[in-house]
Amino acid sequence: LRAYGAVTGRAARLEVGERGLGDVPVARAYLVFGEAQARALGRDLPAAVMSAAQIVLVDTPAAILVEPAAKRRLWNGLRALGPTLRGA
């Protein structure tokens, strides 16, 4: 993600644990890796924050490392988040 710029390089990273994601910071955009993370975000993020944020679901990191189609979906997801990340 650092290759996409400083904004994504410094972005908070949360991993799903036994208790979900824990304290999810409020953000304008969320890049979600896989279904497990998406479910945890839906449980742990308040509905008002979720409705105001742009949320993009992409494949798991393991899939992104080995599947060309998953890499394309990640790139498309990052491009979709671009305007939000730039503050447009």
N, C-alpha and C. Protein backbone atom coordinates (compact mmCIF):
# COMPACT_ATOMS: atom_id res chain seq x y z
N LEU A 1 0.81 -1.20 0.00
CA LEU A 1 0.00 0.00 0.00
C LEU A 1 0.84 1.26 0.00
N ARG A 2 2.08 1.16 0.47
CA ARG A 2 2.97 2.33 0.46
C ARG A 2 3.22 2.81 -0.95
N ALA A 3 3.15 1.92 -1.92
CA ALA A 3 3.38 2.30 -3.31
C ALA A 3 2.32 3.26 -3.81
N TYR A 4 1.15 3.28 -3.19
CA TYR A 4 0.08 4.17 -3.61
C TYR A 4 0.24 5.57 -3.03
N GLY A 5 1.17 5.77 -2.12
CA GLY A 5 1.42 7.09 -1.58
C GLY A 5 1.49 7.11 -0.07
N ALA A 6 1.84 8.27 0.44
CA ALA A 6 2.04 8.43 1.88
C ALA A 6 0.76 8.22 2.68
N VAL A 7 -0.38 8.60 2.11
CA VAL A 7 -1.65 8.47 2.85
C VAL A 7 -1.93 7.01 3.17
N THR A 8 -1.82 6.14 2.19
CA THR A 8 -2.08 4.73 2.45
C THR A 8 -0.92 4.07 3.18
N GLY A 9 0.27 4.56 2.98
CA GLY A 9 1.42 4.01 3.68
C GLY A 9 1.36 4.21 5.18
N ARG A 10 0.73 5.31 5.62
CA ARG A 10 0.62 5.60 7.05
C ARG A 10 -0.74 5.20 7.63
N ALA A 11 -1.61 4.66 6.82
CA ALA A 11 -2.96 4.34 7.28
C ALA A 11 -2.93 3.26 8.36
N ALA A 12 -3.88 3.36 9.28
CA ALA A 12 -4.00 2.36 10.34
C ALA A 12 -4.36 1.01 9.73
N ARG A 13 -3.80 -0.03 10.30
CA ARG A 13 -4.10 -1.39 9.87
C ARG A 13 -4.68 -2.16 11.05
N LEU A 14 -5.81 -2.77 10.83
CA LEU A 14 -6.48 -3.53 11.88
C LEU A 14 -6.62 -4.98 11.44
N GLU A 15 -6.37 -5.90 12.36
CA GLU A 15 -6.54 -7.31 12.07
C GLU A 15 -7.68 -7.85 12.91
N VAL A 16 -8.42 -8.79 12.33
CA VAL A 16 -9.53 -9.40 13.04
C VAL A 16 -8.97 -10.39 14.05
N GLY A 17 -9.35 -10.19 15.30
CA GLY A 17 -8.95 -11.10 16.37
C GLY A 17 -10.17 -11.79 16.95
N GLU A 18 -9.99 -12.41 18.09
CA GLU A 18 -11.09 -13.12 18.75
C GLU A 18 -12.24 -12.18 19.09
N ARG A 19 -11.92 -10.95 19.39
CA ARG A 19 -12.95 -9.97 19.76
C ARG A 19 -13.27 -9.02 18.61
N GLY A 20 -13.03 -9.43 17.38
CA GLY A 20 -13.31 -8.58 16.24
C GLY A 20 -12.13 -7.67 15.95
N LEU A 21 -12.44 -6.45 15.56
CA LEU A 21 -11.40 -5.47 15.24
C LEU A 21 -11.02 -4.60 16.42
N GLY A 22 -11.82 -4.59 17.45
CA GLY A 22 -11.54 -3.74 18.60
C GLY A 22 -12.01 -2.32 18.33
N ASP A 23 -11.23 -1.35 18.77
CA ASP A 23 -11.58 0.06 18.58
C ASP A 23 -11.21 0.48 17.16
N VAL A 24 -12.22 0.67 16.33
CA VAL A 24 -11.99 1.07 14.94
C VAL A 24 -11.97 2.59 14.87
N PRO A 25 -10.89 3.18 14.37
CA PRO A 25 -10.86 4.64 14.26
C PRO A 25 -11.86 5.13 13.22
N VAL A 26 -12.42 6.30 13.47
CA VAL A 26 -13.34 6.91 12.51
C VAL A 26 -12.53 7.44 11.35
N ALA A 27 -12.94 7.09 10.14
CA ALA A 27 -12.22 7.51 8.94
C ALA A 27 -13.22 7.80 7.82
N ARG A 28 -12.74 8.51 6.81
CA ARG A 28 -13.58 8.78 5.64
C ARG A 28 -13.66 7.58 4.73
N ALA A 29 -12.65 6.70 4.80
CA ALA A 29 -12.60 5.55 3.89
C ALA A 29 -11.99 4.35 4.60
N TYR A 30 -12.47 3.17 4.21
CA TYR A 30 -11.95 1.92 4.74
C TYR A 30 -11.70 0.98 3.57
N LEU A 31 -10.52 0.40 3.52
CA LEU A 31 -10.19 -0.63 2.55
C LEU A 31 -10.21 -1.94 3.33
N VAL A 32 -11.14 -2.81 2.97
CA VAL A 32 -11.41 -4.02 3.74
C VAL A 32 -10.90 -5.23 2.97
N PHE A 33 -10.07 -6.04 3.63
CA PHE A 33 -9.46 -7.20 2.99
C PHE A 33 -10.19 -8.48 3.40
N GLY A 34 -11.10 -8.94 2.57
CA GLY A 34 -11.77 -10.21 2.79
C GLY A 34 -13.06 -10.12 3.58
N GLU A 35 -13.83 -11.20 3.48
CA GLU A 35 -15.15 -11.27 4.11
C GLU A 35 -15.08 -11.21 5.63
N ALA A 36 -14.10 -11.87 6.24
CA ALA A 36 -14.00 -11.86 7.71
C ALA A 36 -13.81 -10.44 8.23
N GLN A 37 -12.97 -9.68 7.56
CA GLN A 37 -12.74 -8.29 7.98
C GLN A 37 -13.99 -7.45 7.74
N ALA A 38 -14.70 -7.72 6.65
CA ALA A 38 -15.92 -6.98 6.35
C ALA A 38 -16.98 -7.23 7.42
N ARG A 39 -17.15 -8.49 7.81
CA ARG A 39 -18.12 -8.81 8.87
C ARG A 39 -17.73 -8.14 10.19
N ALA A 40 -16.45 -8.19 10.53
CA ALA A 40 -15.99 -7.58 11.77
C ALA A 40 -16.19 -6.07 11.75
N LEU A 41 -15.93 -5.44 10.62
CA LEU A 41 -16.14 -3.99 10.50
C LEU A 41 -17.61 -3.66 10.68
N GLY A 42 -18.48 -4.47 10.08
CA GLY A 42 -19.92 -4.25 10.23
C GLY A 42 -20.39 -4.38 11.67
N ARG A 43 -19.74 -5.25 12.44
CA ARG A 43 -20.09 -5.42 13.85
C ARG A 43 -19.54 -4.30 14.72
N ASP A 44 -18.31 -3.89 14.44
CA ASP A 44 -17.60 -2.99 15.35
C ASP A 44 -17.72 -1.51 15.03
N LEU A 45 -18.15 -1.17 13.84
CA LEU A 45 -18.23 0.24 13.45
C LEU A 45 -19.66 0.73 13.62
N PRO A 46 -19.87 1.86 14.30
CA PRO A 46 -21.23 2.40 14.45
C PRO A 46 -21.88 2.66 13.09
N ALA A 47 -23.18 2.45 13.03
CA ALA A 47 -23.91 2.59 11.76
C ALA A 47 -23.76 3.99 11.16
N ALA A 48 -23.75 5.02 11.99
CA ALA A 48 -23.63 6.39 11.49
C ALA A 48 -22.27 6.61 10.82
N VAL A 49 -21.21 6.06 11.40
CA VAL A 49 -19.88 6.18 10.81
C VAL A 49 -19.81 5.39 9.52
N MET A 50 -20.39 4.19 9.54
CA MET A 50 -20.36 3.33 8.36
C MET A 50 -21.10 3.96 7.19
N SER A 51 -22.22 4.60 7.46
CA SER A 51 -22.99 5.19 6.36
C SER A 51 -22.31 6.43 5.78
N ALA A 52 -21.47 7.09 6.56
CA ALA A 52 -20.79 8.29 6.08
C ALA A 52 -19.46 7.99 5.39
N ALA A 53 -18.96 6.78 5.56
CA ALA A 53 -17.64 6.43 5.02
C ALA A 53 -17.76 5.68 3.69
N GLN A 54 -16.71 5.77 2.91
CA GLN A 54 -16.60 4.96 1.71
C GLN A 54 -15.89 3.67 2.11
N ILE A 55 -16.51 2.54 1.82
CA ILE A 55 -15.96 1.24 2.18
C ILE A 55 -15.77 0.43 0.90
N VAL A 56 -14.55 -0.04 0.70
CA VAL A 56 -14.23 -0.84 -0.48
C VAL A 56 -13.73 -2.20 0.00
N LEU A 57 -14.39 -3.25 -0.47
CA LEU A 57 -14.01 -4.62 -0.14
C LEU A 57 -13.14 -5.20 -1.24
N VAL A 58 -11.98 -5.73 -0.85
CA VAL A 58 -11.09 -6.40 -1.79
C VAL A 58 -10.78 -7.79 -1.25
N ASP A 59 -10.00 -8.56 -1.99
CA ASP A 59 -9.65 -9.91 -1.59
C ASP A 59 -8.72 -9.92 -0.37
N THR A 60 -8.53 -11.10 0.19
CA THR A 60 -7.60 -11.25 1.31
C THR A 60 -6.17 -11.03 0.84
N PRO A 61 -5.27 -10.65 1.73
CA PRO A 61 -3.87 -10.47 1.33
C PRO A 61 -3.28 -11.74 0.71
N ALA A 62 -3.65 -12.91 1.22
CA ALA A 62 -3.12 -14.16 0.66
C ALA A 62 -3.52 -14.31 -0.80
N ALA A 63 -4.75 -13.98 -1.12
CA ALA A 63 -5.22 -14.07 -2.51
C ALA A 63 -4.54 -13.03 -3.39
N ILE A 64 -4.34 -11.84 -2.85
CA ILE A 64 -3.71 -10.76 -3.63
C ILE A 64 -2.28 -11.14 -4.02
N LEU A 65 -1.60 -11.88 -3.16
CA LEU A 65 -0.22 -12.27 -3.45
C LEU A 65 -0.10 -13.28 -4.58
N VAL A 66 -1.15 -14.08 -4.82
CA VAL A 66 -1.02 -15.16 -5.81
C VAL A 66 -1.96 -15.07 -7.00
N GLU A 67 -3.00 -14.28 -6.93
CA GLU A 67 -3.99 -14.24 -7.99
C GLU A 67 -3.94 -12.90 -8.73
N PRO A 68 -3.64 -12.92 -10.03
CA PRO A 68 -3.63 -11.66 -10.80
C PRO A 68 -4.97 -10.92 -10.75
N ALA A 69 -6.08 -11.63 -10.78
CA ALA A 69 -7.39 -10.97 -10.73
C ALA A 69 -7.59 -10.26 -9.39
N ALA A 70 -7.08 -10.83 -8.31
CA ALA A 70 -7.18 -10.20 -6.99
C ALA A 70 -6.34 -8.92 -6.96
N LYS A 71 -5.20 -8.94 -7.61
CA LYS A 71 -4.36 -7.74 -7.68
C LYS A 71 -5.07 -6.63 -8.45
N ARG A 72 -5.74 -7.00 -9.53
CA ARG A 72 -6.51 -6.00 -10.29
C ARG A 72 -7.63 -5.43 -9.44
N ARG A 73 -8.32 -6.28 -8.69
CA ARG A 73 -9.41 -5.79 -7.83
C ARG A 73 -8.88 -4.85 -6.75
N LEU A 74 -7.71 -5.15 -6.20
CA LEU A 74 -7.09 -4.26 -5.22
C LEU A 74 -6.78 -2.91 -5.87
N TRP A 75 -6.16 -2.93 -7.04
CA TRP A 75 -5.82 -1.69 -7.74
C TRP A 75 -7.08 -0.89 -8.03
N ASN A 76 -8.13 -1.55 -8.50
CA ASN A 76 -9.40 -0.85 -8.77
C ASN A 76 -9.99 -0.28 -7.49
N GLY A 77 -9.89 -1.01 -6.39
CA GLY A 77 -10.37 -0.51 -5.11
C GLY A 77 -9.61 0.72 -4.65
N LEU A 78 -8.29 0.69 -4.82
CA LEU A 78 -7.48 1.86 -4.45
C LEU A 78 -7.81 3.06 -5.33
N ARG A 79 -8.01 2.80 -6.62
CA ARG A 79 -8.39 3.90 -7.52
C ARG A 79 -9.74 4.48 -7.12
N ALA A 80 -10.68 3.64 -6.70
CA ALA A 80 -11.99 4.13 -6.28
C ALA A 80 -11.88 4.98 -5.01
N LEU A 81 -10.93 4.63 -4.13
CA LEU A 81 -10.74 5.39 -2.90
C LEU A 81 -9.92 6.67 -3.11
N GLY A 82 -9.25 6.78 -4.25
CA GLY A 82 -8.36 7.91 -4.50
C GLY A 82 -8.95 9.27 -4.19
N PRO A 83 -10.11 9.62 -4.74
CA PRO A 83 -10.67 10.95 -4.46
C PRO A 83 -10.95 11.17 -2.97
N THR A 84 -11.41 10.15 -2.28
CA THR A 84 -11.67 10.27 -0.85
C THR A 84 -10.37 10.47 -0.08
N LEU A 85 -9.35 9.69 -0.44
CA LEU A 85 -8.06 9.80 0.25
C LEU A 85 -7.39 11.14 0.00
N ARG A 86 -7.62 11.71 -1.18
CA ARG A 86 -7.04 13.03 -1.49
C ARG A 86 -7.87 14.17 -0.91
N GLY A 87 -9.03 13.86 -0.34
CA GLY A 87 -9.85 14.89 0.28
C GLY A 87 -10.81 15.57 -0.67
N ALA A 88 -11.02 14.99 -1.85
CA ALA A 88 -11.94 15.58 -2.83
C ALA A 88 -13.38 15.38 -2.42
